[in-house]
C-alpha atoms as a PDB file:
ATOM      1  CA  MET A   1      98.888 156.963  68.540  1.00  0.00           C
ATOM      2  CA  THR A   2     102.139 157.287  66.433  1.00  0.00           C
ATOM      3  CA  ASN A   3     101.543 156.235  62.728  1.00  0.00           C
ATOM      4  CA  PRO A   4      97.996 155.773  62.798  1.00  0.00           C
ATOM      5  CA  ILE A   5      96.183 152.783  60.667  1.00  0.00           C
ATOM      6  CA  PHE A   6      93.127 154.181  58.694  1.00  0.00           C
ATOM      7  CA  LEU A   7      90.231 152.121  57.835  1.00  0.00           C
ATOM      8  CA  ASP A   8      88.822 151.921  54.482  1.00  0.00           C
ATOM      9  CA  PHE A   9      85.819 154.481  55.440  1.00  0.00           C
ATOM     10  CA  GLU A  10      88.523 156.935  56.692  1.00  0.00           C
ATOM     11  CA  SER A  11      90.071 157.703  53.576  1.00  0.00           C
ATOM     12  CA  ASN A  12      89.519 161.478  53.801  1.00  0.00           C
ATOM     13  CA  LEU A  13      90.518 161.599  57.498  1.00  0.00           C
ATOM     14  CA  ALA A  14      93.816 159.879  56.330  1.00  0.00           C
ATOM     15  CA  GLU A  15      94.306 162.585  53.657  1.00  0.00           C
ATOM     16  CA  LEU A  16      93.588 165.282  56.155  1.00  0.00           C
ATOM     17  CA  THR A  17      95.855 164.022  58.745  1.00  0.00           C
ATOM     18  CA  GLY A  18      98.579 163.805  56.464  1.00  0.00           C
ATOM     19  CA  LYS A  19      98.233 167.277  55.398  1.00  0.00           C
ATOM     20  CA  ILE A  20      98.579 168.223  59.226  1.00  0.00           C
ATOM     21  CA  GLU A  21     101.803 166.121  59.595  1.00  0.00           C
ATOM     22  CA  THR A  22     103.378 167.476  56.653  1.00  0.00           C
ATOM     23  CA  LEU A  23     102.502 171.295  57.956  1.00  0.00           C
ATOM     24  CA  ARG A  24     104.177 170.004  61.074  1.00  0.00           C
ATOM     25  CA  PHE A  25     107.282 168.992  59.537  1.00  0.00           C
ATOM     26  CA  VAL A  26     107.624 171.939  57.705  1.00  0.00           C
ATOM     27  CA  GLU A  27     107.156 174.137  60.713  1.00  0.00           C
ATOM     28  CA  ASP A  28     109.826 172.093  62.709  1.00  0.00           C
ATOM     29  CA  ASP A  29     112.194 173.014  59.758  1.00  0.00           C
ATOM     30  CA  SER A  30     111.707 176.421  59.228  1.00  0.00           C
ATOM     31  CA  ALA A  31     111.150 179.850  61.195  1.00  0.00           C
ATOM     32  CA  VAL A  32     107.427 180.053  59.452  1.00  0.00           C
ATOM     33  CA  ASP A  33     104.762 180.033  62.074  1.00  0.00           C
ATOM     34  CA  LEU A  34     102.088 177.482  60.546  1.00  0.00           C
ATOM     35  CA  SER A  35     100.339 177.020  63.947  1.00  0.00           C
ATOM     36  CA  GLU A  36      97.250 178.929  63.112  1.00  0.00           C
ATOM     37  CA  ASN A  37      96.609 176.873  59.811  1.00  0.00           C
ATOM     38  CA  ILE A  38      97.646 173.643  61.854  1.00  0.00           C
ATOM     39  CA  ASP A  39      95.033 174.351  64.294  1.00  0.00           C
ATOM     40  CA  LYS A  40      92.387 174.913  61.703  1.00  0.00           C
ATOM     41  CA  LEU A  41      92.965 171.398  60.145  1.00  0.00           C
ATOM     42  CA  VAL A  42      93.088 169.891  63.287  1.00  0.00           C
ATOM     43  CA  SER A  43      89.592 171.135  64.249  1.00  0.00           C
ATOM     44  CA  LYS A  44      88.676 170.214  60.805  1.00  0.00           C
ATOM     45  CA  ALA A  45      89.928 166.844  61.147  1.00  0.00           C
ATOM     46  CA  ASN A  46      88.259 166.480  64.523  1.00  0.00           C
ATOM     47  CA  LYS A  47      84.690 167.655  63.289  1.00  0.00           C
ATOM     48  CA  LEU A  48      85.236 165.059  60.221  1.00  0.00           C
ATOM     49  CA  THR A  49      86.100 162.197  62.671  1.00  0.00           C
ATOM     50  CA  LYS A  50      83.141 162.956  64.914  1.00  0.00           C
ATOM     51  CA  ASP A  51      80.868 162.773  61.630  1.00  0.00           C
ATOM     52  CA  ILE A  52      82.301 159.669  60.410  1.00  0.00           C
ATOM     53  CA  TYR A  53      81.852 157.666  63.735  1.00  0.00           C
ATOM     54  CA  ALA A  54      78.168 159.156  64.342  1.00  0.00           C
ATOM     55  CA  LYS A  55      77.012 157.054  61.228  1.00  0.00           C
ATOM     56  CA  LEU A  56      79.075 153.983  61.213  1.00  0.00           C
ATOM     57  CA  THR A  57      77.230 151.019  59.646  1.00  0.00           C
ATOM     58  CA  PRO A  58      77.369 147.614  61.474  1.00  0.00           C
ATOM     59  CA  TRP A  59      79.969 146.332  59.085  1.00  0.00           C
ATOM     60  CA  GLN A  60      81.977 149.502  59.879  1.00  0.00           C
ATOM     61  CA  ILE A  61      81.873 148.834  63.530  1.00  0.00           C
ATOM     62  CA  VAL A  62      82.782 145.254  63.123  1.00  0.00           C
ATOM     63  CA  GLN A  63      86.192 146.923  61.039  1.00  0.00           C
ATOM     64  CA  VAL A  64      86.786 149.113  64.109  1.00  0.00           C
ATOM     65  CA  ALA A  65      86.240 146.454  66.655  1.00  0.00           C
ATOM     66  CA  ARG A  66      89.019 144.667  64.885  1.00  0.00           C
ATOM     67  CA  HIS A  67      91.322 147.405  64.623  1.00  0.00           C
ATOM     68  CA  PRO A  68      94.986 146.427  64.793  1.00  0.00           C
ATOM     69  CA  GLN A  69      95.863 149.354  67.176  1.00  0.00           C
ATOM     70  CA  ARG A  70      92.844 149.011  69.475  1.00  0.00           C
ATOM     71  CA  PRO A  71      93.821 148.321  73.056  1.00  0.00           C
ATOM     72  CA  TYR A  72      93.530 144.612  74.099  1.00  0.00           C
ATOM     73  CA  THR A  73      93.521 143.060  77.887  1.00  0.00           C
ATOM     74  CA  LEU A  74      97.102 143.836  78.720  1.00  0.00           C
ATOM     75  CA  ASP A  75      96.676 147.442  77.492  1.00  0.00           C
ATOM     76  CA  TYR A  76      93.794 147.822  79.968  1.00  0.00           C
ATOM     77  CA  VAL A  77      95.608 145.866  82.811  1.00  0.00           C
ATOM     78  CA  GLU A  78      98.617 148.476  82.294  1.00  0.00           C
ATOM     79  CA  HIS A  79      96.243 151.543  82.633  1.00  0.00           C
ATOM     80  CA  ILE A  80      93.577 150.222  85.212  1.00  0.00           C
ATOM     81  CA  PHE A  81      95.140 147.750  87.631  1.00  0.00           C
ATOM     82  CA  THR A  82      98.076 147.546  90.014  1.00  0.00           C
ATOM     83  CA  ASP A  83     100.248 144.883  91.320  1.00  0.00           C
ATOM     84  CA  TYR A  84      99.377 142.473  88.533  1.00  0.00           C
ATOM     85  CA  HIS A  85     100.851 139.208  88.280  1.00  0.00           C
ATOM     86  CA  GLU A  86     100.156 136.680  85.618  1.00  0.00           C
ATOM     87  CA  LEU A  87      99.350 133.257  86.335  1.00  0.00           C
ATOM     88  CA  HIS A  88     100.053 130.454  83.647  1.00  0.00           C
ATOM     89  CA  GLY A  89      98.844 127.101  82.874  1.00  0.00           C
ATOM     90  CA  ASP A  90      95.645 124.838  83.111  1.00  0.00           C
ATOM     91  CA  ARG A  91      97.434 122.245  85.341  1.00  0.00           C
ATOM     92  CA  VAL A  92      96.378 119.590  82.831  1.00  0.00           C
ATOM     93  CA  PHE A  93      97.939 120.170  79.392  1.00  0.00           C
ATOM     94  CA  ALA A  94      99.545 123.725  78.473  1.00  0.00           C
ATOM     95  CA  ASP A  95      99.687 127.313  78.831  1.00  0.00           C
ATOM     96  CA  ASP A  96      97.439 128.865  76.371  1.00  0.00           C
ATOM     97  CA  GLN A  97      98.658 132.254  75.705  1.00  0.00           C
ATOM     98  CA  SER A  98      95.490 133.488  73.861  1.00  0.00           C
ATOM     99  CA  ILE A  99      94.030 133.893  77.512  1.00  0.00           C
ATOM    100  CA  VAL A 100      95.936 135.843  80.110  1.00  0.00           C
ATOM    101  CA  GLY A 101      94.853 136.456  83.509  1.00  0.00           C
ATOM    102  CA  GLY A 102      96.172 136.965  87.213  1.00  0.00           C
ATOM    103  CA  LEU A 103      95.838 138.484  90.452  1.00  0.00           C
ATOM    104  CA  ALA A 104      95.708 142.342  90.529  1.00  0.00           C
ATOM    105  CA  ARG A 105      94.353 145.383  92.703  1.00  0.00           C
ATOM    106  CA  LEU A 106      91.616 147.983  91.573  1.00  0.00           C
ATOM    107  CA  ASN A 107      92.156 151.013  93.620  1.00  0.00           C
ATOM    108  CA  GLY A 108      93.587 148.674  96.019  1.00  0.00           C
ATOM    109  CA  LYS A 109      91.090 146.215  96.161  1.00  0.00           C
ATOM    110  CA  ALA A 110      92.184 142.599  95.330  1.00  0.00           C
ATOM    111  CA  CYS A 111      90.771 140.978  92.473  1.00  0.00           C
ATOM    112  CA  MET A 112      91.379 138.760  89.546  1.00  0.00           C
ATOM    113  CA  VAL A 113      91.618 139.792  85.789  1.00  0.00           C
ATOM    114  CA  ILE A 114      91.190 137.260  82.854  1.00  0.00           C
ATOM    115  CA  GLY A 115      90.967 138.359  79.107  1.00  0.00           C
ATOM    116  CA  ASN A 116      91.464 137.397  75.503  1.00  0.00           C
ATOM    117  CA  GLN A 117      94.841 138.801  73.913  1.00  0.00           C
ATOM    118  CA  LYS A 118      95.202 138.868  70.355  1.00  0.00           C
ATOM    119  CA  GLY A 119      99.109 140.457  69.939  1.00  0.00           C
ATOM    120  CA  ARG A 120     100.418 143.129  67.939  1.00  0.00           C
ATOM    121  CA  ASP A 121     102.995 141.937  65.689  1.00  0.00           C
ATOM    122  CA  THR A 122     103.298 138.451  63.578  1.00  0.00           C
ATOM    123  CA  LYS A 123     105.459 136.727  66.061  1.00  0.00           C
ATOM    124  CA  GLU A 124     103.276 137.613  69.218  1.00  0.00           C
ATOM    125  CA  ARG A 125     100.015 136.999  67.004  1.00  0.00           C
ATOM    126  CA  THR A 126     101.305 133.615  66.362  1.00  0.00           C
ATOM    127  CA  LEU A 127     102.049 132.846  69.986  1.00  0.00           C
ATOM    128  CA  ARG A 128      98.798 134.203  70.978  1.00  0.00           C
ATOM    129  CA  ASN A 129      97.055 132.000  68.233  1.00  0.00           C
ATOM    130  CA  PHE A 130      95.457 135.400  66.872  1.00  0.00           C
ATOM    131  CA  GLY A 131      93.054 135.602  70.018  1.00  0.00           C
ATOM    132  CA  TYR A 132      91.404 132.159  69.323  1.00  0.00           C
ATOM    133  CA  PRO A 133      91.576 130.057  72.607  1.00  0.00           C
ATOM    134  CA  ARG A 134      92.057 126.427  72.699  1.00  0.00           C
ATOM    135  CA  PRO A 135      90.560 124.152  75.772  1.00  0.00           C
ATOM    136  CA  GLU A 136      93.578 124.701  77.772  1.00  0.00           C
ATOM    137  CA  GLY A 137      93.063 128.509  77.783  1.00  0.00           C
ATOM    138  CA  TYR A 138      89.426 128.080  79.067  1.00  0.00           C
ATOM    139  CA  ARG A 139      90.430 125.564  81.888  1.00  0.00           C
ATOM    140  CA  LYS A 140      93.252 128.250  82.741  1.00  0.00           C
ATOM    141  CA  ALA A 141      90.533 130.792  82.932  1.00  0.00           C
ATOM    142  CA  LEU A 142      88.589 128.563  85.109  1.00  0.00           C
ATOM    143  CA  ARG A 143      91.137 127.694  87.316  1.00  0.00           C
ATOM    144  CA  LEU A 144      91.721 131.418  88.117  1.00  0.00           C
ATOM    145  CA  MET A 145      88.086 131.956  88.745  1.00  0.00           C
ATOM    146  CA  LYS A 146      88.079 129.043  91.209  1.00  0.00           C
ATOM    147  CA  LEU A 147      91.103 130.635  92.706  1.00  0.00           C
ATOM    148  CA  ALA A 148      89.178 134.062  93.033  1.00  0.00           C
ATOM    149  CA  GLU A 149      86.302 132.188  94.723  1.00  0.00           C
ATOM    150  CA  LYS A 150      88.569 130.790  97.169  1.00  0.00           C
ATOM    151  CA  PHE A 151      89.807 133.920  98.434  1.00  0.00           C
ATOM    152  CA  SER A 152      86.455 135.675  97.904  1.00  0.00           C
ATOM    153  CA  ILE A 153      87.568 138.290  95.422  1.00  0.00           C
ATOM    154  CA  PRO A 154      85.897 139.651  92.470  1.00  0.00           C
ATOM    155  CA  VAL A 155      86.442 138.475  88.732  1.00  0.00           C
ATOM    156  CA  PHE A 156      86.880 140.869  85.840  1.00  0.00           C
ATOM    157  CA  THR A 157      87.003 139.618  82.428  1.00  0.00           C
ATOM    158  CA  PHE A 158      87.430 141.058  79.117  1.00  0.00           C
ATOM    159  CA  ILE A 159      86.474 139.851  75.755  1.00  0.00           C
ATOM    160  CA  ASP A 160      88.200 140.104  72.615  1.00  0.00           C
ATOM    161  CA  THR A 161      88.257 137.003  70.614  1.00  0.00           C
ATOM    162  CA  PRO A 162      86.863 136.036  67.088  1.00  0.00           C
ATOM    163  CA  GLY A 163      85.756 132.747  68.625  1.00  0.00           C
ATOM    164  CA  ALA A 164      87.102 129.538  70.183  1.00  0.00           C
ATOM    165  CA  TRP A 165      89.825 127.650  68.071  1.00  0.00           C
ATOM    166  CA  PRO A 166      88.058 125.267  65.649  1.00  0.00           C
ATOM    167  CA  GLY A 167      91.356 123.021  64.827  1.00  0.00           C
ATOM    168  CA  ILE A 168      91.313 119.343  65.286  1.00  0.00           C
ATOM    169  CA  ASP A 169      93.569 119.557  68.035  1.00  0.00           C
ATOM    170  CA  ALA A 170      91.243 121.777  70.310  1.00  0.00           C
ATOM    171  CA  GLU A 171      88.431 119.055  69.626  1.00  0.00           C
ATOM    172  CA  GLU A 172      90.739 116.113  70.460  1.00  0.00           C
ATOM    173  CA  ARG A 173      91.191 118.000  73.884  1.00  0.00           C
ATOM    174  CA  GLY A 174      87.475 118.782  74.542  1.00  0.00           C
ATOM    175  CA  GLN A 175      87.009 122.194  73.354  1.00  0.00           C
ATOM    176  CA  SER A 176      83.024 121.925  73.699  1.00  0.00           C
ATOM    177  CA  GLU A 177      83.180 120.437  77.147  1.00  0.00           C
ATOM    178  CA  ALA A 178      85.608 123.042  78.314  1.00  0.00           C
ATOM    179  CA  ILE A 179      83.470 125.972  77.207  1.00  0.00           C
ATOM    180  CA  GLY A 180      80.477 124.152  78.505  1.00  0.00           C
ATOM    181  CA  HIS A 181      82.176 123.911  81.892  1.00  0.00           C
ATOM    182  CA  ASN A 182      82.839 127.212  81.968  1.00  0.00           C
ATOM    183  CA  LEU A 183      79.409 128.204  81.325  1.00  0.00           C
ATOM    184  CA  TYR A 184      78.165 126.065  84.259  1.00  0.00           C
ATOM    185  CA  GLU A 185      80.693 126.951  86.926  1.00  0.00           C
ATOM    186  CA  MET A 186      80.347 130.690  86.005  1.00  0.00           C
ATOM    187  CA  ALA A 187      77.076 130.367  86.436  1.00  0.00           C
ATOM    188  CA  LYS A 188      77.136 129.464  89.829  1.00  0.00           C
ATOM    189  CA  LEU A 189      80.731 131.059  91.116  1.00  0.00           C
ATOM    190  CA  ARG A 190      80.105 132.958  94.391  1.00  0.00           C
ATOM    191  CA  VAL A 191      81.872 135.925  93.935  1.00  0.00           C
ATOM    192  CA  PRO A 192      81.059 139.172  91.449  1.00  0.00           C
ATOM    193  CA  ILE A 193      81.832 138.799  88.037  1.00  0.00           C
ATOM    194  CA  ILE A 194      82.171 141.783  85.564  1.00  0.00           C
ATOM    195  CA  SER A 195      82.744 141.357  82.137  1.00  0.00           C
ATOM    196  CA  THR A 196      83.436 143.606  79.352  1.00  0.00           C
ATOM    197  CA  VAL A 197      83.402 143.374  75.753  1.00  0.00           C
ATOM    198  CA  ILE A 198      86.725 145.316  74.532  1.00  0.00           C
ATOM    199  CA  GLY A 199      86.875 144.010  70.750  1.00  0.00           C
ATOM    200  CA  GLU A 200      85.172 141.307  69.158  1.00  0.00           C
ATOM    201  CA  GLY A 201      82.788 138.783  70.936  1.00  0.00           C
ATOM    202  CA  GLY A 202      82.685 136.000  69.230  1.00  0.00           C
ATOM    203  CA  SER A 203      80.324 133.124  69.543  1.00  0.00           C
ATOM    204  CA  GLY A 204      80.824 130.555  72.348  1.00  0.00           C
ATOM    205  CA  GLY A 205      84.589 131.441  72.588  1.00  0.00           C
ATOM    206  CA  ALA A 206      83.773 134.785  74.024  1.00  0.00           C
ATOM    207  CA  LEU A 207      80.905 133.507  76.095  1.00  0.00           C
ATOM    208  CA  ALA A 208      82.999 130.878  77.912  1.00  0.00           C
ATOM    209  CA  ILE A 209      84.439 134.128  80.059  1.00  0.00           C
ATOM    210  CA  GLY A 210      81.350 135.926  79.675  1.00  0.00           C
ATOM    211  CA  VAL A 211      78.804 134.650  81.986  1.00  0.00           C
ATOM    212  CA  CYS A 212      78.630 137.258  84.521  1.00  0.00           C
ATOM    213  CA  ASP A 213      76.503 139.816  86.912  1.00  0.00           C
ATOM    214  CA  THR A 214      77.189 142.854  84.817  1.00  0.00           C
ATOM    215  CA  LEU A 215      78.133 142.978  81.050  1.00  0.00           C
ATOM    216  CA  ASN A 216      79.685 146.323  79.519  1.00  0.00           C
ATOM    217  CA  MET A 217      80.476 146.636  76.132  1.00  0.00           C
ATOM    218  CA  MET A 218      82.851 149.270  74.444  1.00  0.00           C
ATOM    219  CA  GLN A 219      81.099 151.720  72.118  1.00  0.00           C
ATOM    220  CA  PHE A 220      82.343 150.138  69.022  1.00  0.00           C
ATOM    221  CA  ALA A 221      82.645 146.463  70.141  1.00  0.00           C
ATOM    222  CA  THR A 222      80.810 143.861  68.724  1.00  0.00           C
ATOM    223  CA  TYR A 223      78.965 140.581  70.313  1.00  0.00           C
ATOM    224  CA  SER A 224      77.456 138.057  68.165  1.00  0.00           C
ATOM    225  CA  VAL A 225      77.081 134.250  67.742  1.00  0.00           C
ATOM    226  CA  ILE A 226      78.974 133.862  64.564  1.00  0.00           C
ATOM    227  CA  SER A 227      81.300 136.466  62.441  1.00  0.00           C
ATOM    228  CA  PRO A 228      79.693 138.176  59.609  1.00  0.00           C
ATOM    229  CA  GLU A 229      81.874 136.344  57.143  1.00  0.00           C
ATOM    230  CA  ALA A 230      80.807 133.074  58.503  1.00  0.00           C
ATOM    231  CA  CYS A 231      77.357 133.883  58.682  1.00  0.00           C
ATOM    232  CA  SER A 232      77.542 135.143  54.912  1.00  0.00           C
ATOM    233  CA  SER A 233      78.833 131.912  53.839  1.00  0.00           C
ATOM    234  CA  ILE A 234      76.374 129.770  55.514  1.00  0.00           C
ATOM    235  CA  LEU A 235      73.270 132.035  54.414  1.00  0.00           C
ATOM    236  CA  TRP A 236      74.329 132.851  50.973  1.00  0.00           C
ATOM    237  CA  ARG A 237      77.112 130.349  50.151  1.00  0.00           C
ATOM    238  CA  ASN A 238      79.832 132.977  49.631  1.00  0.00           C
ATOM    239  CA  THR A 239      81.745 135.354  52.126  1.00  0.00           C
ATOM    240  CA  GLU A 240      80.759 138.737  49.982  1.00  0.00           C
ATOM    241  CA  ARG A 241      77.677 139.385  51.701  1.00  0.00           C
ATOM    242  CA  GLN A 242      79.360 140.174  55.139  1.00  0.00           C
ATOM    243  CA  VAL A 243      77.844 143.673  55.063  1.00  0.00           C
ATOM    244  CA  ASP A 244      74.572 142.166  55.066  1.00  0.00           C
ATOM    245  CA  ALA A 245      75.126 139.558  57.511  1.00  0.00           C
ATOM    246  CA  ALA A 246      76.775 142.324  59.728  1.00  0.00           C
ATOM    247  CA  GLU A 247      73.243 144.119  59.738  1.00  0.00           C
ATOM    248  CA  ALA A 248      71.154 140.949  60.429  1.00  0.00           C
ATOM    249  CA  LEU A 249      73.222 140.028  63.220  1.00  0.00           C
ATOM    250  CA  GLY A 250      72.355 143.002  65.366  1.00  0.00           C
ATOM    251  CA  LEU A 251      76.033 142.729  66.689  1.00  0.00           C
ATOM    252  CA  THR A 252      76.563 146.205  67.656  1.00  0.00           C
ATOM    253  CA  ALA A 253      76.632 147.623  71.511  1.00  0.00           C
ATOM    254  CA  HIS A 254      73.435 149.843  71.049  1.00  0.00           C
ATOM    255  CA  ARG A 255      71.438 146.898  69.516  1.00  0.00           C
ATOM    256  CA  LEU A 256      72.378 144.665  71.936  1.00  0.00           C
ATOM    257  CA  LYS A 257      71.564 147.309  74.808  1.00  0.00           C
ATOM    258  CA  ALA A 258      68.033 147.626  73.486  1.00  0.00           C
ATOM    259  CA  LEU A 259      67.657 143.895  73.574  1.00  0.00           C
ATOM    260  CA  LYS A 260      68.597 143.918  77.392  1.00  0.00           C
ATOM    261  CA  LEU A 261      71.643 141.811  76.521  1.00  0.00           C
ATOM    262  CA  VAL A 262      74.002 144.199  77.469  1.00  0.00           C
ATOM    263  CA  ASP A 263      74.152 146.451  81.096  1.00  0.00           C
ATOM    264  CA  ARG A 264      76.244 149.176  80.005  1.00  0.00           C
ATOM    265  CA  ILE A 265      77.879 150.889  76.877  1.00  0.00           C
ATOM    266  CA  ILE A 266      81.186 152.263  77.737  1.00  0.00           C
ATOM    267  CA  ASN A 267      81.751 155.297  75.251  1.00  0.00           C
ATOM    268  CA  GLU A 268      85.260 155.285  73.244  1.00  0.00           C
ATOM    269  CA  PRO A 269      87.472 158.359  72.635  1.00  0.00           C
ATOM    270  CA  LEU A 270      86.685 160.415  69.509  1.00  0.00           C
ATOM    271  CA  GLY A 271      87.282 157.932  66.497  1.00  0.00           C
ATOM    272  CA  GLY A 272      87.524 155.062  68.690  1.00  0.00           C
ATOM    273  CA  ALA A 273      89.588 153.420  71.676  1.00  0.00           C
ATOM    274  CA  HIS A 274      92.670 152.881  69.434  1.00  0.00           C
ATOM    275  CA  ARG A 275      92.906 156.732  69.044  1.00  0.00           C
ATOM    276  CA  SER A 276      93.752 156.901  72.777  1.00  0.00           C
ATOM    277  CA  HIS A 277      94.338 153.820  75.087  1.00  0.00           C
ATOM    278  CA  LYS A 278      94.723 155.820  78.098  1.00  0.00           C
ATOM    279  CA  GLU A 279      91.361 157.633  77.524  1.00  0.00           C
ATOM    280  CA  ALA A 280      89.474 154.660  76.742  1.00  0.00           C
ATOM    281  CA  ALA A 281      90.969 152.878  79.914  1.00  0.00           C
ATOM    282  CA  GLN A 282      89.727 155.702  82.271  1.00  0.00           C
ATOM    283  CA  SER A 283      86.282 155.104  80.761  1.00  0.00           C
ATOM    284  CA  VAL A 284      86.519 151.509  81.449  1.00  0.00           C
ATOM    285  CA  LYS A 285      87.997 151.856  85.166  1.00  0.00           C
ATOM    286  CA  LYS A 286      85.237 154.050  86.083  1.00  0.00           C
ATOM    287  CA  THR A 287      82.658 151.849  84.682  1.00  0.00           C
ATOM    288  CA  LEU A 288      84.363 148.792  86.543  1.00  0.00           C
ATOM    289  CA  LEU A 289      84.231 150.719  89.684  1.00  0.00           C
ATOM    290  CA  GLU A 290      80.712 151.625  89.477  1.00  0.00           C
ATOM    291  CA  GLY A 291      79.823 148.083  88.391  1.00  0.00           C
ATOM    292  CA  LEU A 292      81.808 146.522  91.695  1.00  0.00           C
ATOM    293  CA  ARG A 293      80.370 149.152  94.022  1.00  0.00           C
ATOM    294  CA  GLN A 294      76.686 147.648  93.344  1.00  0.00           C
ATOM    295  CA  LEU A 295      77.691 144.152  93.565  1.00  0.00           C
ATOM    296  CA  ASP A 296      80.653 144.008  96.304  1.00  0.00           C
ATOM    297  CA  ASN A 297      78.797 143.753  99.447  1.00  0.00           C
ATOM    298  CA  MET A 298      75.722 141.825  98.053  1.00  0.00           C
ATOM    299  CA  PRO A 299      75.071 138.436 100.036  1.00  0.00           C
ATOM    300  CA  VAL A 300      76.078 135.576  97.960  1.00  0.00           C
ATOM    301  CA  ARG A 301      72.808 134.161  97.925  1.00  0.00           C
ATOM    302  CA  GLU A 302      71.354 137.271  96.596  1.00  0.00           C
ATOM    303  CA  LEU A 303      74.216 137.726  94.180  1.00  0.00           C
ATOM    304  CA  LEU A 304      73.687 134.225  92.665  1.00  0.00           C
ATOM    305  CA  ASP A 305      69.713 134.550  92.570  1.00  0.00           C
ATOM    306  CA  ARG A 306      70.307 137.980  90.717  1.00  0.00           C
ATOM    307  CA  ARG A 307      72.629 136.350  88.210  1.00  0.00           C
ATOM    308  CA  HIS A 308      70.356 133.197  87.551  1.00  0.00           C
ATOM    309  CA  GLU A 309      67.381 135.704  86.886  1.00  0.00           C
ATOM    310  CA  ARG A 310      69.432 137.632  84.433  1.00  0.00           C
ATOM    311  CA  LEU A 311      70.487 134.624  82.370  1.00  0.00           C
ATOM    312  CA  LEU A 312      66.995 133.328  82.366  1.00  0.00           C
ATOM    313  CA  SER A 313      65.624 136.243  81.238  1.00  0.00           C
ATOM    314  CA  PHE A 314      67.301 135.905  77.885  1.00  0.00           C
ATOM    315  CA  GLY A 315      65.351 135.068  74.822  1.00  0.00           C
ATOM    316  CA  GLU A 316      62.036 136.085  76.468  1.00  0.00           C
ATOM    317  CA  PHE A 317      59.483 136.364  73.977  1.00  0.00           C
ATOM    318  CA  ARG A 318      55.899 137.591  73.416  1.00  0.00           C
ATOM    319  CA  VAL A 319      52.855 135.192  72.309  1.00  0.00           C
ATOM    320  CA  GLN A 320      50.103 136.838  69.902  1.00  0.00           C
ATOM    321  CA  ASP A 321      47.551 137.430  72.977  1.00  0.00           C
ATOM    322  CA  GLY A 322      50.194 139.860  74.238  1.00  0.00           C
ATOM    323  CA  GLY A 323      51.316 137.438  77.163  1.00  0.00           C
ATOM    324  CA  SER A 324      54.885 137.019  78.036  1.00  0.00           C
ATOM    325  CA  ASN A 325      56.545 133.685  77.976  1.00  0.00           C
ATOM    326  CA  GLY A 326      60.327 132.926  78.750  1.00  0.00           C
END
């Protein structure tokens, strides 16, 4: 990606990348062959990137998940699906553009794609409400899911939101009801649902399009009941302990996989999905196809029973005598 944006913990990598770009510029404007020096620095940069990303803290993973150059839903749609036709509006109030969705094909098979969209520049971010859906966004998503159910096609959702919009306008139009209704309807939707957390998975705002048969999560995505900043403000009465909050929340993919809340972790390109949208999309596509093969021909009754069992398994605990309870 051109003009990469480096995070705070990547300062050494940013410096090294700057040297590489300087040498390439000099090489282009002179007859001197600097390719050997450039190759050495590129190799050093790759090793440094690998070392940095092998030991990220939860708070650093939060920063990667929020990276402004990270691929969003429409980027994955472009690289993974064909014949995408976006559908608009909830048929009640408005068209919330923080949630996008429409009919598409995955390897020729008809499907419904729904996901959060944050926006790249200031104008688009404002249009997309910075990825915070309002009630009409969730009602649009449910309308598309019910359409998929009508035509017996699978649903793919892509989760990337800080959370549901907390504004007064959203509350007036029934934000909680819209989220709750989605949870209820998705639990009994009669077609396969495969969800993927591609960036931030924030609270009920994410869960409203995340009730599924299979939950995938990108390697450097996050999924939690609250943001680290909000958690810090509640527990410690300030937002300065977000690092401690991120650690306590257990919001990383590997932590959630260990708790059996996530089914599959999708590996990202070296240095995160923002380094190569195409490579990240290839990994996501492979995982989606694998998940669909397992669910596509499953009888509806078995599909629903399996989904309900999965949902009811969350929050299992053990009592002191070693017995298991749900």
